[in-house]
N, C-alpha and C. Protein backbone atom coordinates (compact mmCIF):
# COMPACT_ATOMS: atom_id res chain seq x y z
N UNK A 1 0.80 -1.22 -0.03
CA UNK A 1 0.04 0.05 0.05
C UNK A 1 1.01 1.10 0.07
N UNK A 2 0.41 2.34 -0.49
CA UNK A 2 1.05 3.51 -0.62
C UNK A 2 0.58 4.38 0.39
N UNK A 3 1.34 5.61 0.83
CA UNK A 3 1.16 6.37 1.80
C UNK A 3 0.68 7.80 1.09
N UNK A 4 -0.76 7.78 0.90
CA UNK A 4 -1.41 8.91 0.22
C UNK A 4 -0.90 10.13 0.77
N UNK A 5 -1.07 10.52 2.07
CA UNK A 5 -0.84 11.37 2.82
C UNK A 5 0.58 12.07 2.41
N UNK A 6 1.42 11.30 2.55
CA UNK A 6 2.90 11.65 2.29
C UNK A 6 3.12 12.03 0.98
N UNK A 7 2.55 11.43 -0.07
CA UNK A 7 2.62 11.73 -1.50
C UNK A 7 1.94 13.22 -1.82
N UNK A 8 0.71 13.38 -1.29
CA UNK A 8 0.25 14.62 -1.40
C UNK A 8 1.14 15.72 -0.82
N UNK A 9 1.69 15.75 0.17
CA UNK A 9 2.50 16.52 0.82
C UNK A 9 3.77 16.72 0.08
N UNK A 10 4.54 15.68 -0.35
CA UNK A 10 5.84 15.93 -0.86
C UNK A 10 5.68 16.41 -2.40
N UNK A 11 4.74 15.84 -3.02
CA UNK A 11 4.73 16.07 -4.46
C UNK A 11 3.81 17.32 -4.94
N UNK A 12 2.71 17.57 -4.11
CA UNK A 12 1.70 18.51 -4.24
C UNK A 12 1.73 19.72 -3.43
N UNK A 13 2.46 19.54 -2.27
CA UNK A 13 2.28 20.43 -1.13
C UNK A 13 1.03 20.67 -0.47
N UNK A 14 0.37 19.61 -0.60
CA UNK A 14 -0.94 19.40 0.19
C UNK A 14 -0.98 18.69 1.62
N UNK A 15 -1.28 19.78 2.33
CA UNK A 15 -1.41 19.15 4.03
C UNK A 15 -2.49 18.53 4.02
N UNK A 16 -2.77 17.26 4.13
CA UNK A 16 -4.30 16.74 4.39
C UNK A 16 -4.56 16.36 5.78
N UNK A 17 -5.58 16.88 6.11
CA UNK A 17 -6.06 16.58 7.42
C UNK A 17 -6.63 15.29 7.45
N UNK A 18 -7.54 14.99 6.43
CA UNK A 18 -8.44 13.66 6.41
C UNK A 18 -8.53 13.12 5.20
N UNK A 19 -8.33 11.77 4.79
CA UNK A 19 -8.64 11.19 3.63
C UNK A 19 -9.54 10.08 3.72
N UNK A 20 -10.57 10.30 3.01
CA UNK A 20 -11.76 9.13 3.03
C UNK A 20 -12.10 8.65 1.75
N UNK A 21 -12.25 7.17 1.73
CA UNK A 21 -12.63 6.59 0.39
C UNK A 21 -13.75 6.99 0.04
N UNK A 22 -13.88 7.15 -1.35
CA UNK A 22 -15.34 7.45 -2.04
C UNK A 22 -15.49 6.36 -2.96
N UNK A 23 -16.77 6.38 -3.39
CA UNK A 23 -17.20 5.36 -4.24
C UNK A 23 -16.42 5.77 -5.67
N UNK A 24 -15.61 4.88 -6.01
CA UNK A 24 -14.90 5.18 -7.38
C UNK A 24 -15.51 4.61 -8.69
N UNK A 25 -15.06 4.97 -9.76
CA UNK A 25 -15.51 4.33 -11.04
C UNK A 25 -14.69 3.13 -11.02
N UNK A 26 -14.65 2.47 -12.41
CA UNK A 26 -14.24 1.33 -12.89
C UNK A 26 -12.58 1.49 -13.22
N UNK A 27 -12.34 2.83 -13.52
CA UNK A 27 -10.97 3.13 -13.96
C UNK A 27 -10.07 3.60 -12.84
N UNK A 28 -10.46 3.85 -11.65
CA UNK A 28 -9.79 4.60 -10.60
C UNK A 28 -10.34 4.49 -9.10
N UNK A 29 -9.36 4.46 -8.10
CA UNK A 29 -9.98 4.51 -6.85
C UNK A 29 -10.27 6.03 -6.56
N UNK A 30 -11.26 6.50 -5.67
CA UNK A 30 -11.62 7.77 -5.43
C UNK A 30 -11.37 8.13 -3.93
N UNK A 31 -10.81 9.32 -3.58
CA UNK A 31 -10.92 9.79 -2.23
C UNK A 31 -11.36 11.22 -2.23
N UNK A 32 -11.81 11.54 -0.96
CA UNK A 32 -11.89 12.84 -0.80
C UNK A 32 -10.84 13.39 0.08
N UNK A 33 -10.14 14.30 -0.10
CA UNK A 33 -8.96 14.81 0.86
C UNK A 33 -9.41 16.23 1.35
N UNK A 34 -9.60 16.21 2.66
CA UNK A 34 -9.75 17.33 3.35
C UNK A 34 -8.32 18.02 3.56
N UNK A 35 -8.14 19.07 3.12
CA UNK A 35 -6.86 19.68 3.38
C UNK A 35 -6.86 20.75 4.30
N UNK A 36 -5.76 21.26 4.61
CA UNK A 36 -5.74 22.53 5.75
C UNK A 36 -6.27 23.76 5.15
N UNK A 37 -6.32 23.77 3.64
CA UNK A 37 -6.74 25.05 3.00
C UNK A 37 -8.04 24.92 2.23
N UNK A 38 -8.12 23.58 1.78
CA UNK A 38 -9.23 23.28 0.74
C UNK A 38 -9.40 21.84 0.59
N UNK A 39 -10.60 21.31 0.17
CA UNK A 39 -11.00 20.07 -0.05
C UNK A 39 -10.67 19.60 -1.54
N UNK A 40 -10.49 18.36 -1.69
CA UNK A 40 -9.92 17.84 -3.06
C UNK A 40 -10.69 16.47 -3.36
N UNK A 41 -10.73 16.39 -4.56
CA UNK A 41 -11.23 15.04 -5.09
C UNK A 41 -9.90 14.37 -5.66
N UNK A 42 -9.65 13.24 -5.15
CA UNK A 42 -8.34 12.45 -5.70
C UNK A 42 -8.67 11.20 -6.39
N UNK A 43 -8.17 10.98 -7.45
CA UNK A 43 -8.24 9.59 -8.39
C UNK A 43 -6.93 9.13 -8.24
N UNK A 44 -6.99 7.91 -7.89
CA UNK A 44 -5.81 6.99 -7.92
C UNK A 44 -5.87 5.87 -8.74
N UNK A 45 -5.02 5.76 -9.81
CA UNK A 45 -5.10 4.73 -10.80
C UNK A 45 -4.22 3.64 -10.38
N UNK A 46 -4.71 2.42 -10.15
CA UNK A 46 -4.11 1.16 -9.72
C UNK A 46 -3.27 0.73 -11.11
N UNK A 47 -2.12 0.47 -11.05
CA UNK A 47 -1.12 0.04 -12.16
C UNK A 47 -1.60 -1.46 -12.40
N UNK A 48 -2.17 -2.16 -11.47
CA UNK A 48 -2.39 -3.36 -11.65
C UNK A 48 -3.58 -3.65 -12.79
N UNK A 49 -4.47 -2.60 -12.87
CA UNK A 49 -5.68 -2.69 -13.59
C UNK A 49 -5.12 -2.52 -15.13
N UNK A 50 -5.66 -3.38 -15.97
CA UNK A 50 -5.41 -3.24 -17.48
C UNK A 50 -5.97 -1.92 -18.03
N UNK A 51 -6.64 -1.32 -17.56
CA UNK A 51 -7.26 0.06 -18.06
C UNK A 51 -6.28 1.19 -17.97
N UNK A 52 -5.47 0.99 -16.86
CA UNK A 52 -4.61 2.26 -16.07
C UNK A 52 -3.84 2.74 -17.26
N UNK A 53 -3.19 2.04 -17.97
CA UNK A 53 -2.25 2.75 -18.88
C UNK A 53 -3.00 3.50 -19.97
N UNK A 54 -4.26 3.05 -20.44
CA UNK A 54 -4.90 3.63 -21.44
C UNK A 54 -5.34 4.91 -20.86
N UNK A 55 -5.85 4.99 -19.52
CA UNK A 55 -6.47 6.09 -18.91
C UNK A 55 -5.28 7.23 -18.50
N UNK A 56 -4.24 6.77 -18.33
CA UNK A 56 -3.15 7.80 -17.90
C UNK A 56 -2.17 8.21 -18.86
N UNK A 57 -2.23 7.67 -20.10
CA UNK A 57 -1.09 7.82 -21.14
C UNK A 57 -1.55 9.09 -21.70
N UNK A 58 -2.70 9.83 -21.75
CA UNK A 58 -2.95 11.02 -22.26
C UNK A 58 -3.39 12.17 -21.32
N UNK A 59 -2.89 11.92 -20.24
CA UNK A 59 -3.25 12.81 -18.93
C UNK A 59 -2.40 14.30 -19.41
N UNK A 60 -1.38 14.36 -19.75
CA UNK A 60 -0.71 15.58 -20.22
C UNK A 60 -1.32 16.19 -21.31
N UNK A 61 -2.13 15.36 -22.15
CA UNK A 61 -2.73 16.12 -23.31
C UNK A 61 -4.25 16.56 -23.03
N UNK A 62 -4.97 15.83 -22.03
CA UNK A 62 -6.34 16.39 -21.95
C UNK A 62 -6.44 17.37 -20.60
N UNK A 63 -5.49 17.11 -19.80
CA UNK A 63 -5.53 18.09 -18.42
C UNK A 63 -5.50 19.44 -18.85
N UNK A 64 -4.40 19.92 -19.60
CA UNK A 64 -4.31 21.27 -19.89
C UNK A 64 -5.80 21.74 -20.47
N UNK A 65 -6.40 20.82 -21.41
CA UNK A 65 -7.48 21.42 -22.00
C UNK A 65 -8.64 21.69 -21.13
N UNK A 66 -8.78 20.92 -20.20
CA UNK A 66 -9.71 21.02 -18.94
C UNK A 66 -9.48 22.42 -18.37
N UNK A 67 -8.12 22.71 -18.03
CA UNK A 67 -7.75 23.84 -17.25
C UNK A 67 -8.10 25.10 -18.03
N UNK A 68 -7.92 25.01 -19.35
CA UNK A 68 -8.07 26.11 -20.25
C UNK A 68 -9.75 26.40 -20.32
N UNK A 69 -10.48 25.24 -20.40
CA UNK A 69 -11.73 25.48 -20.55
C UNK A 69 -12.40 26.11 -19.19
N UNK A 70 -11.99 25.79 -18.14
CA UNK A 70 -12.18 26.35 -16.89
C UNK A 70 -11.91 27.83 -16.66
N UNK A 71 -10.71 28.09 -17.36
CA UNK A 71 -10.08 29.53 -17.24
C UNK A 71 -10.93 30.27 -18.26
N UNK A 72 -11.20 29.85 -19.44
CA UNK A 72 -11.70 30.69 -20.47
C UNK A 72 -13.11 30.66 -20.92
N UNK A 73 -13.74 29.84 -20.48
CA UNK A 73 -15.25 29.69 -20.89
C UNK A 73 -16.36 29.93 -19.84
N UNK A 74 -17.48 29.63 -20.27
CA UNK A 74 -18.52 29.91 -19.13
C UNK A 74 -18.74 28.52 -18.34
N UNK A 75 -17.87 27.67 -18.47
CA UNK A 75 -17.80 26.30 -17.64
C UNK A 75 -16.91 26.66 -16.36
N UNK A 76 -16.38 27.72 -16.19
CA UNK A 76 -15.73 28.20 -14.91
C UNK A 76 -16.41 27.64 -13.63
N UNK A 77 -15.88 27.01 -12.87
CA UNK A 77 -16.57 26.66 -11.63
C UNK A 77 -17.32 25.37 -11.95
N UNK A 78 -17.53 24.85 -13.00
CA UNK A 78 -18.43 23.53 -13.12
C UNK A 78 -17.42 22.29 -13.54
N UNK A 79 -16.07 22.51 -13.63
CA UNK A 79 -15.23 21.28 -14.16
C UNK A 79 -14.18 21.12 -12.93
N UNK A 80 -13.94 19.92 -12.93
CA UNK A 80 -12.81 19.49 -11.91
C UNK A 80 -11.48 19.97 -12.51
N UNK A 81 -10.83 20.74 -11.64
CA UNK A 81 -9.60 21.49 -12.02
C UNK A 81 -8.44 20.66 -11.68
N UNK A 82 -7.46 20.45 -12.52
CA UNK A 82 -6.27 19.61 -12.18
C UNK A 82 -5.40 20.49 -11.34
N UNK A 83 -4.81 19.75 -10.27
CA UNK A 83 -3.71 20.43 -9.37
C UNK A 83 -2.28 19.89 -9.85
N UNK A 84 -1.55 20.82 -10.11
CA UNK A 84 -0.28 20.49 -10.48
C UNK A 84 0.59 20.20 -9.69
N UNK A 85 1.60 19.19 -9.98
CA UNK A 85 2.58 18.81 -8.77
C UNK A 85 3.47 20.10 -8.59
N UNK A 86 4.34 20.11 -7.44
CA UNK A 86 5.18 21.22 -7.32
C UNK A 86 6.19 21.51 -8.37
N UNK A 87 6.49 20.62 -9.33
CA UNK A 87 7.23 20.64 -10.46
C UNK A 87 6.43 21.14 -11.73
N UNK A 88 5.12 21.20 -11.42
CA UNK A 88 4.35 21.99 -12.56
C UNK A 88 3.76 20.68 -13.48
N UNK A 89 3.97 19.33 -13.16
CA UNK A 89 3.34 18.28 -14.02
C UNK A 89 1.92 17.97 -13.61
N UNK A 90 1.37 17.31 -14.40
CA UNK A 90 -0.17 16.80 -14.21
C UNK A 90 -0.13 15.45 -13.45
N UNK A 91 0.93 14.84 -13.23
CA UNK A 91 0.96 13.31 -12.67
C UNK A 91 2.17 13.26 -12.07
């Protein structure tokens, strides 16, 4: 098992107060992360699942589009906004 709290802190700078499992989809595990400054929805892709490679291969292509749509259209506030790592990456 991995340490979600440590990963969020080291790579994203998120100090998580509480992490609770949520009902996930078939492609990823889902968690609600209560941070010290905000709440987050976290998707964790299990590398053992056959679908993982397909769903994660294009994150760097589609995540910037989601961010752009949120920043430049009437969809602002209606989309899940990606949180970048400390190094500016999407994963």
